[in-house]
């Protein structure tokens, strides 16, 4: 008898596997072990697009605060602006996955409204990316003020655990 590519006797095969998953079948005077079909519960993804969007919006708010504190253009300022561009792009890419469940249930109006609420992220991400790569810091300042206005309702406490997610973002841009 073979179980997962190794040879063993019937009692060893039954005891080595999980209880309740195996059963014995009698077919033509031979004993066979078959795995019972077991219905699994749904798999919950802890890293959903909504959670990523919430985490990224808080990180963008922190980046806007830190960029406002900057007095000169240095590597950290470039990282902050590049991070905002990358995070906004990630948010805009996750919109369709968030809306897919609503569209599956024919909630078209709700899905379209959600898309329209977050459509600006892709546009601002592209504008911020071009401004950072062109060293146009006047446009970066204007865009960061507009982004701060969009995220004015997002609250981030001083004791957050987000760290500095913008470190090294300019190289990724």
Protein backbone atom coordinates (compact mmCIF):
# COMPACT_ATOMS: atom_id res chain seq x y z
CA UNK A 1 0.00 0.00 0.00
CA UNK A 2 1.31 3.42 -0.86
CA UNK A 3 0.46 6.69 0.85
CA UNK A 4 2.04 9.84 -0.52
CA UNK A 5 4.78 8.01 -2.31
CA UNK A 6 5.94 5.80 0.57
CA UNK A 7 5.16 2.23 1.33
CA UNK A 8 3.49 1.26 4.58
CA UNK A 9 1.01 -1.23 5.98
CA UNK A 10 -2.68 -0.51 6.45
CA UNK A 11 -2.55 0.31 10.20
CA UNK A 12 0.43 2.62 9.67
CA UNK A 13 -1.35 4.40 6.83
CA UNK A 14 -4.45 4.98 8.90
CA UNK A 15 -2.59 6.09 12.00
CA UNK A 16 -0.19 8.36 10.10
CA UNK A 17 -2.96 10.34 8.46
CA UNK A 18 -5.52 12.62 10.02
CA UNK A 19 -8.46 10.94 11.64
CA UNK A 20 -11.75 11.36 9.91
CA UNK A 21 -10.21 12.01 6.51
CA UNK A 22 -9.59 8.42 5.51
CA UNK A 23 -11.93 5.52 5.01
CA UNK A 24 -11.47 1.98 3.88
CA UNK A 25 -13.12 0.65 0.80
CA UNK A 26 -13.40 -2.97 -0.07
CA UNK A 27 -13.03 -3.54 -3.81
CA UNK A 28 -12.35 -6.93 -5.29
CA UNK A 29 -10.90 -8.24 -2.04
CA UNK A 30 -8.31 -5.46 -1.86
CA UNK A 31 -8.29 -2.68 0.68
CA UNK A 32 -7.88 0.83 -0.65
CA UNK A 33 -7.62 4.04 1.28
CA UNK A 34 -9.34 7.06 -0.20
CA UNK A 35 -9.42 10.60 1.06
CA UNK A 36 -12.91 11.76 1.81
CA UNK A 37 -14.04 14.98 0.26
CA UNK A 38 -14.28 17.60 2.91
CA UNK A 39 -15.94 20.95 2.38
CA UNK A 40 -13.62 23.74 3.41
CA UNK A 41 -14.71 27.05 4.78
CA UNK A 42 -14.03 30.19 2.77
CA UNK A 43 -10.55 31.56 2.83
CA UNK A 44 -10.25 35.02 4.35
CA UNK A 45 -7.53 37.20 2.90
CA UNK A 46 -6.07 39.38 5.67
CA UNK A 47 -4.41 41.68 3.14
CA UNK A 48 -7.41 42.95 1.21
CA UNK A 49 -7.40 45.98 -1.06
CA UNK A 50 -9.50 47.91 1.46
CA UNK A 51 -7.02 47.36 4.27
CA UNK A 52 -4.15 48.28 2.00
CA UNK A 53 -6.01 51.42 0.96
CA UNK A 54 -6.56 52.43 4.60
CA UNK A 55 -2.93 51.78 5.51
CA UNK A 56 -1.68 53.68 2.47
CA UNK A 57 -3.96 56.67 3.06
CA UNK A 58 -2.62 57.01 6.59
CA UNK A 59 0.94 56.70 5.31
CA UNK A 60 0.25 59.38 2.68
CA UNK A 61 -1.10 61.71 5.37
CA UNK A 62 2.12 61.17 7.34
CA UNK A 63 4.20 61.81 4.22
CA UNK A 64 2.33 65.05 3.51
CA UNK A 65 2.97 66.19 7.09
CA UNK A 66 6.67 65.36 6.84
CA UNK A 67 6.99 67.02 3.43
CA UNK A 68 5.40 70.18 4.83
CA UNK A 69 8.11 70.25 7.52
CA UNK A 70 10.92 70.11 4.93
CA UNK A 71 12.71 73.41 4.31
CA UNK A 72 14.94 72.29 1.46
CA UNK A 73 14.94 69.66 -1.25
CA UNK A 74 17.02 66.73 -0.03
CA UNK A 75 16.88 62.96 -0.41
CA UNK A 76 14.14 62.61 2.21
CA UNK A 77 11.94 65.15 0.42
CA UNK A 78 12.41 63.22 -2.82
CA UNK A 79 11.55 59.97 -1.02
CA UNK A 80 8.42 61.53 0.47
CA UNK A 81 7.12 62.81 -2.85
CA UNK A 82 7.99 59.57 -4.65
CA UNK A 83 6.25 57.56 -1.94
CA UNK A 84 3.09 59.60 -2.36
CA UNK A 85 3.15 58.90 -6.10
CA UNK A 86 3.70 55.17 -5.60
CA UNK A 87 1.08 54.87 -2.87
CA UNK A 88 -1.54 56.72 -4.91
CA UNK A 89 -0.80 54.44 -7.86
CA UNK A 90 -1.21 51.37 -5.64
CA UNK A 91 -4.52 52.69 -4.34
CA UNK A 92 -5.80 53.32 -7.86
CA UNK A 93 -4.80 49.80 -8.94
CA UNK A 94 -6.72 48.27 -6.02
CA UNK A 95 -10.01 49.98 -6.83
CA UNK A 96 -11.14 47.36 -9.36
CA UNK A 97 -10.54 44.49 -6.94
CA UNK A 98 -12.61 46.28 -4.31
CA UNK A 99 -15.44 46.88 -6.73
CA UNK A 100 -15.47 43.34 -8.17
CA UNK A 101 -17.63 41.97 -5.33
CA UNK A 102 -20.24 44.68 -5.83
CA UNK A 103 -20.34 44.12 -9.56
CA UNK A 104 -20.76 40.40 -9.02
CA UNK A 105 -23.94 41.17 -7.07
CA UNK A 106 -25.11 43.69 -9.67
CA UNK A 107 -24.58 46.77 -7.50
CA UNK A 108 -23.49 48.80 -10.50
CA UNK A 109 -24.41 52.22 -9.11
CA UNK A 110 -22.47 51.62 -5.90
CA UNK A 111 -19.47 50.32 -7.86
CA UNK A 112 -19.45 53.31 -10.21
CA UNK A 113 -19.80 55.76 -7.34
CA UNK A 114 -16.84 54.16 -5.57
CA UNK A 115 -14.75 54.30 -8.76
CA UNK A 116 -15.59 57.97 -9.21
CA UNK A 117 -14.64 58.72 -5.57
CA UNK A 118 -11.17 57.23 -6.05
CA UNK A 119 -10.53 58.11 -9.73
CA UNK A 120 -8.38 61.08 -8.74
CA UNK A 121 -5.69 58.83 -7.20
CA UNK A 122 -4.43 57.57 -10.54
CA UNK A 123 -4.39 61.06 -12.02
CA UNK A 124 -2.57 62.59 -9.05
CA UNK A 125 -0.10 59.68 -8.96
CA UNK A 126 0.92 60.32 -12.55
CA UNK A 127 1.18 64.09 -12.02
CA UNK A 128 3.26 63.60 -8.86
CA UNK A 129 5.56 61.12 -10.59
CA UNK A 130 6.27 63.48 -13.48
CA UNK A 131 6.79 66.41 -11.12
CA UNK A 132 9.24 64.49 -8.93
CA UNK A 133 11.23 63.17 -11.88
CA UNK A 134 11.37 66.67 -13.41
CA UNK A 135 12.34 68.28 -10.05
CA UNK A 136 9.32 70.59 -10.27
CA UNK A 137 8.88 71.23 -6.55
CA UNK A 138 6.26 73.94 -7.03
CA UNK A 139 3.97 71.34 -8.60
CA UNK A 140 4.87 68.83 -5.88
CA UNK A 141 3.89 71.36 -3.20
CA UNK A 142 0.61 72.15 -4.98
CA UNK A 143 -0.23 68.46 -5.46
CA UNK A 144 0.62 67.58 -1.87
CA UNK A 145 -1.71 70.34 -0.67
CA UNK A 146 -4.49 68.96 -2.87
CA UNK A 147 -3.81 65.43 -1.61
CA UNK A 148 -3.92 66.69 1.98
CA UNK A 149 -7.28 68.28 1.24
CA UNK A 150 -8.62 64.99 -0.17
CA UNK A 151 -7.43 63.10 2.91
CA UNK A 152 -8.51 65.76 5.41
CA UNK A 153 -10.83 63.30 7.21
CA UNK A 154 -8.10 60.67 7.71
CA UNK A 155 -6.88 60.71 11.29
CA UNK A 156 -3.40 59.45 12.21
CA UNK A 157 -2.35 59.55 15.84
CA UNK A 158 1.09 60.63 16.96
CA UNK A 159 1.65 57.14 18.40
CA UNK A 160 1.25 55.35 15.08
CA UNK A 161 3.14 52.19 14.16
CA UNK A 162 3.59 52.93 10.47
CA UNK A 163 7.23 53.94 10.74
CA UNK A 164 8.73 55.64 7.71
CA UNK A 165 7.42 53.72 4.70
CA UNK A 166 8.80 56.33 2.31
CA UNK A 167 12.43 55.40 2.92
CA UNK A 168 14.03 54.55 -0.43
CA UNK A 169 10.90 55.27 -2.48
CA UNK A 170 12.70 57.56 -4.93
CA UNK A 171 14.77 54.63 -6.22
CA UNK A 172 11.58 52.62 -6.86
CA UNK A 173 10.00 55.43 -8.83
